Amino acid sequence: MPQIHFNTNKVFLEYTLLKYLSDNRSSSLTDSELNSLASDIIELSNLFTKNREILPSQYLNNKNLRRAYMMYFLPSNIYKIHLPLKELSLHPQKILSKKEIKILDLGSGPGTTILGILDFFSKQKKRPSLEFTAIDSVVENLSIAKDLFKLFTENVNIDASLKTFKINIEKTEAIPEGSYDIIILSNILNELFYKEEKKIAKRVSFLTTIIRKFLASDGNCIIIEPALRETTREMLEIRDSLVKNGFKIYSPCLIDEPCPALSNPKDWCHEDIPWIPPKIIKEIDKLTGLRKDSLKFSYLVLRKDKLSLSDILEKNSYRVVSEPLVSKGKLEFYICGIGGRRLITMLDKDKTPSNMQFQKLQRGDIVSFRDLIDEGNRFKIDKGTTVANLSSHIYKSPHLYI
């Protein structure tokens, strides 16, 4: 999987959130407070996963659930925007090299993704001026977003501003006019038109309107969704419709063909990136039995023009879209690229120095091959195959086009 280095000081993040949520009385929790918080986190986790059909549309209006979200889910959700931003920064067309970047965050919640964007750009040598517009239907979310924005910008060296609007984003005509370089929908697409019969078609229409009306001609629409099968497959259905509507997938897909994962109802694509959580999240995991040791999410980056991450890759590049499938005497993965989604196999007896990178692949990696054996419905690696893990070069490269 892509190895992205997350630079925010987690001690500062934890301290800031605790102080903010406790009205500045203390930067730590008592055992009783921690147990109460853990109970609320379990409730919210179940609403996100097992009981999505009863998830209130404005669940962050609930003080206890809002506190649970901010202490447990917000710290990890901050970093999910880093991967698509990193991929955009790799393109030689210098997609993110503007002096000023205007960002529209639809369904912003308490400003989670805004904090992630601030963190990403604050670590770059060239820092653009960031102009954020946050839109949410919950007033308290916007109030928290402004407070956290102020706390973070006081501690990072970056020029940034924030405007907030209380609007139901499903009513696109109410969104303030403007042209934006980045439009963000983070963990919100799956909540739009949720109880309506034709929710997929309505989401496609919504996104088509948003992109055509508000996205700059060289802008990027970034969608981040939970890594659940249901929500991700719905996003992939929307992806296919948006491609038909003329939009370009910048990443993670390396092809514009219909998504091959949709042909099997058990398949879906998502990221699973290693992450070292703050101390309080480790404590909560011990109390609840939950695990927050990696960042699991699905994402799409859409553009109006034809630029794509594949522009900087070899033509025979593929994305690894499964965990390693290990069995006696062989190692397999599913990869996706030209020709769709296919299984690729290497027998232990065929290991050589030229194909040893195959042993190190992880979900999300981009890989290329030479002298790969094409068996029709699957690929095979033998002793003469060369394997190159492109992610080990492009994602770890210190050079960004910013």
Foldseek 3Di string as FASTA:
>chain_A
DFAFDQDDDQVVLQQVLQCVLVVNPDSDDDPVRLLLLLVLLVVVVCCQPVVVVPCDLPNCVDVSNVSNCSNAVLVLLCQPVVVVVLLCQLDPVLLPVDQEFEEEEEQCFLPSPVNSVLSNQLPDPRHHAYEYEYEHQDPVSPVNNVVVVVVVPVPGPHHYDYHYDNDDVLPVVPDDAEEGQEYEYEQCLCSPCVPPPPSLVSSLVSVVCCCVGHYDQSHKYKYKHAQDLVVQLSVLVSLLVVVVVQKEWQDDAQDNPRAQQNVDSVGGAKDWHADDHDPSNVVSCVVNVDDDGTRIIHMTMIHNDHHHSNVPPDQQKWAFGDAWDDDPQKIWTWTQDVVGIAIEIEGPVFDDPQDVVVVVDGHGWMKGKDPWAPPDRHIYDGNPMGIDGCSVPSSPDPDTSD
